[in-house]
Every structure is written in structure tokens, then in C-alpha cells.
Amino acid sequence: MARLKKKVKKNLTIFLIIILCGFLLFKVGTLIGNITPSDNNSNKEILNNKNNKPKEEEEKIKTYTASLIATGDGLIHKPIYQTYYDSTTNSYDFSSILSLTKDKIKDYDIRYYNQETIFDDSKPYSSYPVFNTPSAFGENMIDAGFNLVSLATNHSMDGGATSAKTSATFWRNKKDILATGMFYDNSDRETYPIMEKNGITYTMLSYTTSTNGLGASALSKEPFILNTYNEERVKKDIEAVRDKVDVLIVAIHWGVEYNQDATAEQKNIAKFLADNDVDIVLGTHSHCIEPWERIDDTVVFYSLGNFVSNQMAAETPKIRKVGVVGMFATLNIVKTVDKENNTTTIEIKDIGADLNYSYRTHNNTTGKNEYLVIPFSKMEEKYLKDYQSVYDEFSKVLTKYDDSIKIEPLPTTAN
């Protein structure tokens, strides 16, 4: 099923068409009246004009395409930022974690991930249950190519209002990056950045259904800081931007952690977003893969899982298992402009995925753990011996509601 949406400018268009038709009839009548059987030069001139129409008139239908890749949580636990700290320069560099994914990401136009934790370099860094992450991780993700970032999560208020604003400011100062869900003031909250790629305009709204019970007092005073999910607020945001863009994306932090199925609440919210003409829904929070589906014409990924984390060290076997397998969702956005009928059609097609794995190994020389995000399309036995069974298991989770998605195959050989 294709994502098809038509936008027609009715009243003004009809009026202009009537005026144009009248003008054309007048001109044709004038030309016919001026042509005589002996007026061969005039006939040739008219014929040549007809056969050499401007290119704009010939291209009655024009197509534009933009590709999107989306992955899950950047969840930086303490062992990760400890590993990538350089005491000689007092700096952090997480780029080696992304070495196997950078080439994959750059092939797409729109590149999304969920920034699970805040950045406030003025305060001590911290990990579970209250996170504060070096902003160098954000810099490395930008360097890797990510340009669409969701900030509204259950950890957005971990550092209170000041840290939330600081984190929002970090992202707002980055050129050509659309990062949303947290804001430094009300004006920032009421601004809806519109991006353009290959002739296709788009924007994203971002919300969270939980703050872990933190920040209630701060949000009551300054509710603009964080987009907490509320149907009235969401509907107002959609109405503010829907007619200004070709594609509307909603990122949402929802569901139950380590649950590999969508909850009733998630399904209700997804239906609400579909009913309000959202094109793409990108879900996170469960730290594991959940199914995808279409609701009417809306593409919904209930959870993209983790992108990078230390959850292979979690306290239970289930978390250690589901928390290390995430995914890249991929799709193409096709915009078709029919000038003759004055319609614009948006189609979301070529839905695909590549599973990914958060790999950790211990370096005996440094005494530290090292991390690497591995797409399953690049998987080797040295990273995961039972990669085939893991691939099969999580592919079934992803396709539970709809098996039409194309999941990238494993490499033909692994060593």
C-alpha cells in the first residue's frame, strides 16, 4: 500500500483557470482571424512555436525523491564515556563506535537518531538512573552524518530545567540539523523549522509520554522546555505545520521498556497521528525492536531499539539480549507534482531495514571495554557467533504486523 496524499488549491486555481481559458480563446480567435490561405510564413511560425514549447510546459509531471534512514537510542552509559575519555587532552571521542555505520548513513538524505540523554558539560557526567552525557557524543553523531534528532525522552529532565535548556541550545546552534523536542525558551518552542531536500520539504515534531517523574515543578513553570505528549498540544502543532511541508514526521518516546510488542496506548497514539495526517512515526523508548506497520497511509515504526548502549551488561538475561539489537529503518519519499491537474502526491515507499548490534569487547591492554555498532549486513562470527539465529528472531519481531518490509540479508560469508 502506498502513502498517497493529494493537496489541491481549489478556489484560486479554478478562478485562474477560467481567466486563462478566456485569454487563450481570445488569442486563438485572433490568430485564426489573421491567417489566410496565402499566409504561409505565418502558418510556419505558428507551427514552429507549437513544436518548440518551453520545457516548463512540456514537463507536466515532475518527480522528486528523498531517502530516509532512522535508528534508535544513543544511550551513553558510564562505561562508554569512561572508555572514550582522553586524559591528556581532557576530551572525549566516540567516533570509533560509528566506524562501521558511517558509510551506510551517508548514502541517505535524511538521517535520524534519538538522543536519549542530555548534554550539559558544565556539570559532572553521569549514568543510570540519571544521565548526563558529554556533548562530544553529539558532535560525533553529526560528523557521522546524522541531521535529524529527537530530544524528547524520559531522561530529558534528568538535570532539571537548566540542563534541559543547555542541551537544547547545543543542538540549536548546529547548522543544517533539525533537532527538536526540547527548547530553551517559548519562542524556540513555537518555531517549526522546515527543511528541504531534493525539492521535498519536511519537518519533525517530537514528544515523550514520560519523564520518569522528574521535572514536574520546572515544567509547570516553563512548559515549553519539553514536549510531553498531549493530544490537544500535538493536534495544534500538526495544524501549525501540516500545510507548510510535503512530509510530516513525528518522533515519539512511548511504550514499555524491553517489551517487544506495541502496547494498547502506543496503538491508540499511532492511530491518532495517522488520523491527523502524519506521514511517518518513529518510535523509541523500549530499548528493543518492536514491529512496524502502516495505519491507513501512515508508516509507523513502534520502536527502533538501541543504537549504542552498554545494555549487554544489564542485570537480566532478557535485557542483555533484546537491548543490544536495534535497527536502521529505511524508506524513500517520492513527491509527484502534476502541473496539469495542480496536484501534489506524496508516496512513502521501499520500506526496508537493516538490523544492528551493539558489540562490546574488553581490551586487556587498556583495561577498558570497547564498543562498536555493527549492521547485520556487515556481521561476522567474531562479533556474534549465533548471528543467524539472532537475525531470524528479531526479523520476526519486526515483521509481526506486516511482513512486506525488506530486511537486508546477512553477508554470504562471515569469519
Protein backbone atom coordinates (compact mmCIF):
# COMPACT_ATOMS: atom_id res chain seq x y z
CA MET A 1 0.00 0.00 0.00
CA ALA A 2 1.40 3.39 -0.96
CA ARG A 3 1.42 6.56 1.08
CA LEU A 4 -0.63 8.86 -1.13
CA LYS A 5 -1.67 12.35 -0.27
CA LYS A 6 -3.08 14.98 -2.61
CA LYS A 7 -3.03 18.70 -1.97
CA VAL A 8 -5.21 20.78 -4.30
CA LYS A 9 -5.53 24.56 -4.22
CA LYS A 10 -9.15 24.79 -5.23
CA ASN A 11 -10.84 28.21 -5.36
CA LEU A 12 -7.95 30.33 -6.55
CA THR A 13 -6.93 27.69 -9.06
CA ILE A 14 -10.41 27.46 -10.61
CA PHE A 15 -10.59 31.24 -10.93
CA LEU A 16 -7.16 31.41 -12.59
CA ILE A 17 -8.05 28.58 -14.97
CA ILE A 18 -11.22 30.41 -16.07
CA ILE A 19 -9.25 33.62 -16.73
CA LEU A 20 -6.52 31.68 -18.56
CA CYS A 21 -9.03 29.82 -20.75
CA GLY A 22 -10.73 33.06 -21.71
CA PHE A 23 -7.42 34.61 -22.64
CA LEU A 24 -6.39 31.60 -24.70
CA LEU A 25 -9.72 31.55 -26.57
CA PHE A 26 -9.30 35.23 -27.38
CA LYS A 27 -5.75 34.69 -28.68
CA VAL A 28 -6.72 31.63 -30.75
CA GLY A 29 -9.61 33.57 -32.29
CA THR A 30 -7.28 36.44 -33.14
CA LEU A 31 -4.79 34.11 -34.77
CA ILE A 32 -7.42 32.32 -36.82
CA GLY A 33 -8.83 35.63 -37.98
CA ASN A 34 -5.42 36.83 -39.13
CA ILE A 35 -4.44 33.69 -41.08
CA THR A 36 -5.23 33.48 -44.79
CA PRO A 37 -4.51 30.57 -47.20
CA SER A 38 -1.65 32.56 -48.75
CA ASP A 39 -0.07 33.45 -45.40
CA ASN A 40 2.45 30.59 -45.46
CA ASN A 41 5.07 32.34 -43.31
CA SER A 42 2.57 32.94 -40.53
CA ASN A 43 1.48 29.31 -40.66
CA LYS A 44 5.07 28.13 -40.36
CA GLU A 45 5.72 30.46 -37.42
CA ILE A 46 2.70 29.17 -35.53
CA LEU A 47 3.66 25.55 -36.27
CA ASN A 48 7.23 26.11 -35.06
CA ASN A 49 6.00 27.72 -31.85
CA LYS A 50 3.77 24.71 -31.25
CA ASN A 51 6.60 22.22 -31.74
CA ASN A 52 9.05 24.15 -29.57
CA LYS A 53 7.18 24.66 -26.33
CA PRO A 54 9.18 25.80 -23.31
CA LYS A 55 10.47 22.95 -21.16
CA GLU A 56 8.27 24.07 -18.26
CA GLU A 57 5.16 23.43 -20.38
CA GLU A 58 6.38 20.03 -21.57
CA GLU A 59 7.09 18.75 -18.04
CA LYS A 60 3.53 18.45 -16.86
CA ILE A 61 4.52 15.79 -14.30
CA LYS A 62 7.69 16.08 -12.26
CA THR A 63 9.02 13.64 -9.64
CA TYR A 64 11.29 14.30 -6.66
CA THR A 65 12.81 11.68 -4.33
CA ALA A 66 14.48 11.82 -0.91
CA SER A 67 15.70 8.85 1.13
CA LEU A 68 15.50 8.46 4.91
CA ILE A 69 17.36 6.26 7.38
CA ALA A 70 16.38 6.13 11.06
CA THR A 71 17.90 4.41 14.05
CA GLY A 72 17.23 4.28 17.76
CA ASP A 73 18.70 5.41 21.07
CA GLY A 74 22.07 6.99 21.66
CA LEU A 75 22.26 5.74 25.26
CA ILE A 76 25.67 6.51 26.72
CA HIS A 77 26.28 4.64 29.95
CA LYS A 78 29.24 5.44 32.21
CA PRO A 79 31.48 2.57 30.96
CA ILE A 80 31.14 4.01 27.43
CA TYR A 81 32.15 7.58 28.22
CA GLN A 82 34.91 6.33 30.51
CA THR A 83 36.38 4.33 27.62
CA TYR A 84 36.44 7.25 25.21
CA TYR A 85 37.94 9.83 27.57
CA ASP A 86 41.45 11.06 26.77
CA SER A 87 43.08 12.34 29.95
CA THR A 88 45.94 14.02 28.06
CA THR A 89 43.54 16.33 26.21
CA ASN A 90 40.67 16.19 28.72
CA SER A 91 38.32 15.35 25.86
CA TYR A 92 36.03 12.63 24.55
CA ASP A 93 35.92 10.98 21.15
CA PHE A 94 33.26 8.34 20.42
CA SER A 95 33.83 8.23 16.66
CA SER A 96 35.34 4.74 16.58
CA ILE A 97 31.98 3.33 17.76
CA LEU A 98 30.50 4.55 14.46
CA SER A 99 33.21 3.30 12.10
CA LEU A 100 31.05 0.53 10.56
CA THR A 101 27.91 2.64 10.24
CA LYS A 102 29.25 5.91 8.84
CA ASP A 103 29.39 4.71 5.23
CA LYS A 104 25.86 3.35 5.48
CA ILE A 105 24.40 6.55 6.87
CA LYS A 106 25.94 8.85 4.26
CA ASP A 107 24.04 7.15 1.44
CA TYR A 108 20.75 8.68 2.68
CA ASP A 109 19.41 12.22 2.52
CA ILE A 110 17.58 12.40 5.88
CA ARG A 111 19.39 10.65 8.77
CA TYR A 112 17.62 10.27 12.11
CA TYR A 113 18.52 9.06 15.58
CA ASN A 114 17.10 9.52 19.09
CA GLN A 115 19.34 11.32 21.59
CA GLU A 116 18.27 9.57 24.76
CA THR A 117 20.26 11.67 27.21
CA ILE A 118 21.02 15.34 27.85
CA PHE A 119 24.26 17.26 27.24
CA ASP A 120 25.47 19.65 29.95
CA ASP A 121 29.26 19.89 30.02
CA SER A 122 29.15 22.30 32.95
CA LYS A 123 28.05 19.51 35.28
CA PRO A 124 29.55 16.11 36.17
CA TYR A 125 28.71 13.38 33.69
CA SER A 126 26.50 10.60 34.99
CA SER A 127 24.76 7.39 34.04
CA TYR A 128 21.76 5.30 35.07
CA PRO A 129 19.37 6.22 36.51
CA VAL A 130 20.06 9.95 35.96
CA PHE A 131 22.08 10.65 32.81
CA ASN A 132 24.33 13.47 31.65
CA THR A 133 26.42 12.78 28.55
CA PRO A 134 29.48 14.55 27.10
CA SER A 135 28.35 16.74 24.21
CA ALA A 136 31.23 15.28 22.20
CA PHE A 137 28.94 12.34 21.50
CA GLY A 138 26.54 14.69 19.72
CA GLU A 139 29.43 16.16 17.74
CA ASN A 140 30.50 12.67 16.68
CA MET A 141 26.97 11.77 15.61
CA ILE A 142 26.80 14.92 13.50
CA ASP A 143 30.19 14.10 11.98
CA ALA A 144 28.83 10.64 11.16
CA GLY A 145 26.08 12.31 9.13
CA PHE A 146 23.00 12.45 11.34
CA ASN A 147 20.89 15.54 10.62
CA LEU A 148 17.51 14.77 12.23
CA VAL A 149 17.47 14.29 16.01
CA SER A 150 14.72 13.65 18.55
CA LEU A 151 15.34 15.09 22.02
CA ALA A 152 12.11 14.38 23.92
CA THR A 153 12.72 11.34 26.14
CA ASN A 154 12.06 10.09 29.65
CA HIS A 155 15.56 11.36 30.55
CA SER A 156 15.10 14.90 29.22
CA MET A 157 14.60 16.33 32.72
CA ASP A 158 17.38 14.33 34.42
CA GLY A 159 19.37 17.52 35.02
CA GLY A 160 16.44 19.82 35.67
CA ALA A 161 15.40 22.87 33.68
CA THR A 162 18.88 24.38 33.35
CA SER A 163 20.46 21.29 31.82
CA ALA A 164 17.47 20.74 29.53
CA LYS A 165 17.83 24.29 28.15
CA THR A 166 21.60 23.83 27.83
CA SER A 167 21.09 20.64 25.86
CA ALA A 168 18.50 22.28 23.60
CA THR A 169 20.89 25.19 22.96
CA PHE A 170 23.68 22.82 21.95
CA TRP A 171 21.52 21.41 19.18
CA ARG A 172 20.00 24.68 18.06
CA ASN A 173 23.47 26.07 17.37
CA LYS A 174 24.22 23.32 14.84
CA LYS A 175 23.82 24.33 11.21
CA ASP A 176 21.59 22.20 8.96
CA ILE A 177 20.49 20.00 11.87
CA LEU A 178 16.83 19.64 12.80
CA ALA A 179 16.76 18.68 16.48
CA THR A 180 13.50 19.08 18.37
CA GLY A 181 11.51 18.06 21.44
CA MET A 182 13.42 20.21 23.97
CA PHE A 183 13.57 24.02 23.88
CA TYR A 184 15.40 26.89 25.58
CA ASP A 185 12.50 29.37 25.55
CA ASN A 186 8.91 29.74 24.40
CA SER A 187 9.88 31.36 21.11
CA ASP A 188 12.08 28.36 20.34
CA ARG A 189 9.17 26.07 21.20
CA GLU A 190 6.79 27.88 18.87
CA THR A 191 9.21 27.79 15.93
CA TYR A 192 8.76 24.92 13.47
CA PRO A 193 11.92 24.55 11.37
CA ILE A 194 11.25 23.44 7.81
CA MET A 195 13.97 21.56 5.94
CA GLU A 196 14.25 20.83 2.23
CA LYS A 197 15.97 18.03 0.36
CA ASN A 198 15.78 17.32 -3.37
CA GLY A 199 12.72 19.51 -3.76
CA ILE A 200 10.89 17.87 -0.82
CA THR A 201 10.08 19.90 2.30
CA TYR A 202 9.77 18.22 5.68
CA THR A 203 9.73 18.80 9.40
CA MET A 204 9.57 16.73 12.58
CA LEU A 205 7.68 17.01 15.85
CA SER A 206 8.97 15.13 18.92
CA TYR A 207 7.21 14.08 22.15
CA THR A 208 7.65 11.87 25.19
CA THR A 209 4.94 10.15 27.23
CA SER A 210 7.13 10.01 30.37
CA THR A 211 9.75 11.97 32.31
CA ASN A 212 10.36 9.29 34.97
CA GLY A 213 8.51 11.53 37.40
CA LEU A 214 11.19 14.23 37.15
CA GLY A 215 10.83 17.91 36.36
CA ALA A 216 7.15 18.34 37.19
CA SER A 217 7.72 21.59 39.06
CA ALA A 218 10.00 23.04 36.39
CA LEU A 219 7.60 22.08 33.59
CA SER A 220 4.65 23.60 35.41
CA LYS A 221 6.51 26.93 35.39
CA GLU A 222 8.09 26.60 31.94
CA PRO A 223 6.13 24.01 29.98
CA PHE A 224 7.93 24.97 26.77
CA ILE A 225 11.10 23.17 27.90
CA LEU A 226 9.92 19.69 26.91
CA ASN A 227 7.26 18.31 24.58
CA THR A 228 5.30 15.92 26.78
CA TYR A 229 2.61 14.09 24.86
CA ASN A 230 -0.84 15.64 24.96
CA GLU A 231 -3.39 15.19 22.18
CA GLU A 232 -4.52 18.81 22.25
CA ARG A 233 -0.93 20.08 22.05
CA VAL A 234 0.00 17.59 19.32
CA LYS A 235 -3.04 18.45 17.23
CA LYS A 236 -2.23 22.16 17.50
CA ASP A 237 1.37 21.55 16.41
CA ILE A 238 0.26 19.45 13.44
CA GLU A 239 -2.22 22.11 12.34
CA ALA A 240 0.52 24.75 12.57
CA VAL A 241 2.83 22.96 10.16
CA ARG A 242 0.93 20.36 8.15
CA ASP A 243 0.14 22.52 5.12
CA LYS A 244 3.64 24.01 5.04
CA VAL A 245 5.52 20.78 4.32
CA ASP A 246 5.35 17.83 2.00
CA VAL A 247 6.26 15.33 4.71
CA LEU A 248 5.49 15.43 8.42
CA ILE A 249 7.46 13.14 10.74
CA VAL A 250 6.61 12.55 14.40
CA ALA A 251 9.19 11.06 16.77
CA ILE A 252 7.69 9.72 19.96
CA HIS A 253 9.10 8.18 23.14
CA TRP A 254 6.45 5.72 24.34
CA GLY A 255 5.63 2.16 25.34
CA VAL A 256 7.17 -0.20 27.91
CA GLU A 257 10.88 -0.88 28.28
CA TYR A 258 12.09 -4.25 26.92
CA ASN A 259 8.62 -5.07 25.62
CA GLN A 260 8.91 -6.33 22.02
CA ASP A 261 5.29 -5.59 21.14
CA ALA A 262 3.32 -2.36 20.84
CA THR A 263 1.06 -1.59 23.78
CA ALA A 264 -2.58 -0.53 23.51
CA GLU A 265 -1.52 3.03 24.31
CA GLN A 266 1.04 3.05 21.50
CA LYS A 267 -1.52 1.76 19.03
CA ASN A 268 -4.05 4.39 20.10
CA ILE A 269 -1.49 7.18 19.74
CA ALA A 270 -0.36 5.85 16.36
CA LYS A 271 -3.97 5.83 15.15
CA PHE A 272 -4.43 9.41 16.39
CA LEU A 273 -1.32 10.52 14.49
CA ALA A 274 -2.45 8.73 11.35
CA ASP A 275 -5.90 10.31 11.60
CA ASN A 276 -4.19 13.70 11.77
CA ASP A 277 -2.24 13.17 8.56
CA VAL A 278 1.23 12.37 9.89
CA ASP A 279 3.34 10.63 7.26
CA ILE A 280 5.99 8.83 9.33
CA VAL A 281 6.08 7.84 13.01
CA LEU A 282 9.45 6.94 14.57
CA GLY A 283 9.11 5.33 17.99
CA THR A 284 11.68 4.76 20.73
CA HIS A 285 11.96 4.08 24.48
CA SER A 286 11.61 0.30 24.83
CA HIS A 287 15.36 -0.21 24.14
CA CYS A 288 14.43 -3.06 21.83
CA ILE A 289 12.93 -3.61 18.41
CA GLU A 290 9.15 -3.57 18.08
CA PRO A 291 7.05 -4.24 14.95
CA TRP A 292 6.33 -1.81 12.15
CA GLU A 293 3.08 -1.32 10.21
CA ARG A 294 1.03 1.01 8.04
CA ILE A 295 -2.05 2.61 9.51
CA ASP A 296 -4.03 3.80 6.53
CA ASP A 297 -1.24 5.67 4.70
CA THR A 298 0.98 6.36 7.72
CA VAL A 299 4.21 4.39 8.20
CA VAL A 300 4.77 3.51 11.88
CA PHE A 301 7.91 2.07 13.47
CA TYR A 302 6.86 1.36 17.06
CA SER A 303 10.44 1.10 18.32
CA LEU A 304 13.80 1.30 16.59
CA GLY A 305 15.61 -0.17 19.61
CA ASN A 306 19.02 0.93 20.83
CA PHE A 307 21.68 2.31 18.55
CA VAL A 308 24.53 2.24 21.06
CA SER A 309 24.43 1.30 24.74
CA ASN A 310 26.05 -0.83 27.43
CA GLN A 311 22.98 -2.95 27.97
CA MET A 312 24.88 -6.15 27.31
CA ALA A 313 25.91 -5.69 30.95
CA ALA A 314 22.31 -5.46 32.17
CA GLU A 315 21.12 -7.36 35.19
CA THR A 316 18.74 -9.77 33.46
CA PRO A 317 19.28 -12.13 30.50
CA LYS A 318 16.30 -10.65 28.65
CA ILE A 319 17.64 -7.09 28.79
CA ARG A 320 21.11 -8.27 27.81
CA LYS A 321 19.56 -9.96 24.79
CA VAL A 322 16.96 -7.52 23.47
CA GLY A 323 18.87 -4.38 24.48
CA VAL A 324 21.79 -4.97 22.11
CA VAL A 325 19.84 -5.46 18.88
CA GLY A 326 18.48 -2.36 17.21
CA MET A 327 17.76 -1.40 13.63
CA PHE A 328 18.09 1.04 10.78
CA ALA A 329 14.71 1.73 9.18
CA THR A 330 14.94 2.94 5.58
CA LEU A 331 12.45 4.34 3.08
CA ASN A 332 12.05 6.60 0.07
CA ILE A 333 9.83 9.67 -0.09
CA VAL A 334 8.51 10.29 -3.59
CA LYS A 335 6.84 13.58 -4.46
CA THR A 336 4.99 13.83 -7.76
CA VAL A 337 3.83 17.22 -8.98
CA ASP A 338 1.14 17.14 -11.67
CA LYS A 339 1.01 20.68 -13.06
CA GLU A 340 -1.88 19.96 -15.40
CA ASN A 341 -4.18 18.84 -12.59
CA ASN A 342 -2.49 21.02 -9.96
CA THR A 343 -1.93 18.16 -7.51
CA THR A 344 0.98 17.06 -5.37
CA THR A 345 1.22 13.40 -4.41
CA ILE A 346 3.41 12.12 -1.58
CA GLU A 347 4.28 8.43 -1.52
CA ILE A 348 6.28 6.61 1.16
CA LYS A 349 7.72 3.52 -0.48
CA ASP A 350 10.56 0.97 -0.48
CA ILE A 351 10.23 0.30 3.25
CA GLY A 352 13.33 -1.51 4.44
CA ALA A 353 15.52 -2.29 7.44
CA ASP A 354 18.95 -3.44 8.50
CA LEU A 355 19.31 -4.85 12.00
CA ASN A 356 22.26 -3.59 14.05
CA TYR A 357 24.17 -4.91 17.03
CA SER A 358 25.88 -3.12 19.94
CA TYR A 359 29.14 -5.00 20.28
CA ARG A 360 31.44 -4.80 23.29
CA THR A 361 34.86 -6.31 23.79
CA HIS A 362 37.44 -5.98 26.55
CA ASN A 363 40.84 -4.51 25.74
CA ASN A 364 43.36 -6.19 28.01
CA THR A 365 45.98 -3.55 27.28
CA THR A 366 43.91 -0.56 28.36
CA GLY A 367 41.75 -2.48 30.80
CA LYS A 368 38.67 -0.87 29.27
CA ASN A 369 35.73 -2.10 27.25
CA GLU A 370 35.47 -1.02 23.60
CA TYR A 371 32.23 -0.60 21.67
CA LEU A 372 31.16 -0.89 18.05
CA VAL A 373 27.79 -0.63 16.30
CA ILE A 374 27.60 -3.35 13.65
CA PRO A 375 24.93 -3.53 10.94
CA PHE A 376 23.90 -7.16 10.48
CA SER A 377 24.64 -6.72 6.77
CA LYS A 378 28.31 -6.48 7.87
CA MET A 379 28.12 -9.09 10.63
CA GLU A 380 30.97 -11.54 11.28
CA GLU A 381 31.23 -14.51 13.61
CA LYS A 382 33.98 -12.80 15.61
CA TYR A 383 31.34 -10.29 16.74
CA LEU A 384 28.41 -12.67 17.27
CA LYS A 385 28.69 -16.42 16.82
CA ASP A 386 24.96 -17.13 16.66
CA TYR A 387 24.23 -14.16 14.39
CA GLN A 388 21.95 -16.22 12.11
CA SER A 389 19.53 -17.22 14.87
CA VAL A 390 19.55 -13.69 16.33
CA TYR A 391 18.83 -12.24 12.88
CA ASP A 392 15.93 -14.65 12.38
CA GLU A 393 14.46 -13.99 15.82
CA PHE A 394 14.46 -10.20 15.59
CA SER A 395 13.32 -10.19 11.98
CA LYS A 396 10.19 -12.00 13.14
CA VAL A 397 9.59 -9.31 15.77
CA LEU A 398 9.88 -6.54 13.20
CA THR A 399 7.54 -8.22 10.72
CA LYS A 400 4.89 -9.33 13.22
CA TYR A 401 2.24 -6.89 11.89
CA ASP A 402 3.43 -6.57 8.30
CA ASP A 403 5.95 -8.77 6.53
CA SER A 404 6.25 -6.61 3.41
CA ILE A 405 9.32 -4.81 4.74
CA LYS A 406 12.58 -5.73 3.03
CA ILE A 407 15.20 -6.64 5.64
CA GLU A 408 18.78 -6.54 4.40
CA PRO A 409 20.27 -10.04 4.27
CA LEU A 410 23.22 -11.28 6.22
CA PRO A 411 26.59 -11.34 4.42
CA THR A 412 27.18 -14.50 2.42
CA THR A 413 30.26 -15.27 4.46
CA ALA A 414 31.30 -14.45 8.00
CA ASN A 415 34.59 -15.19 9.67
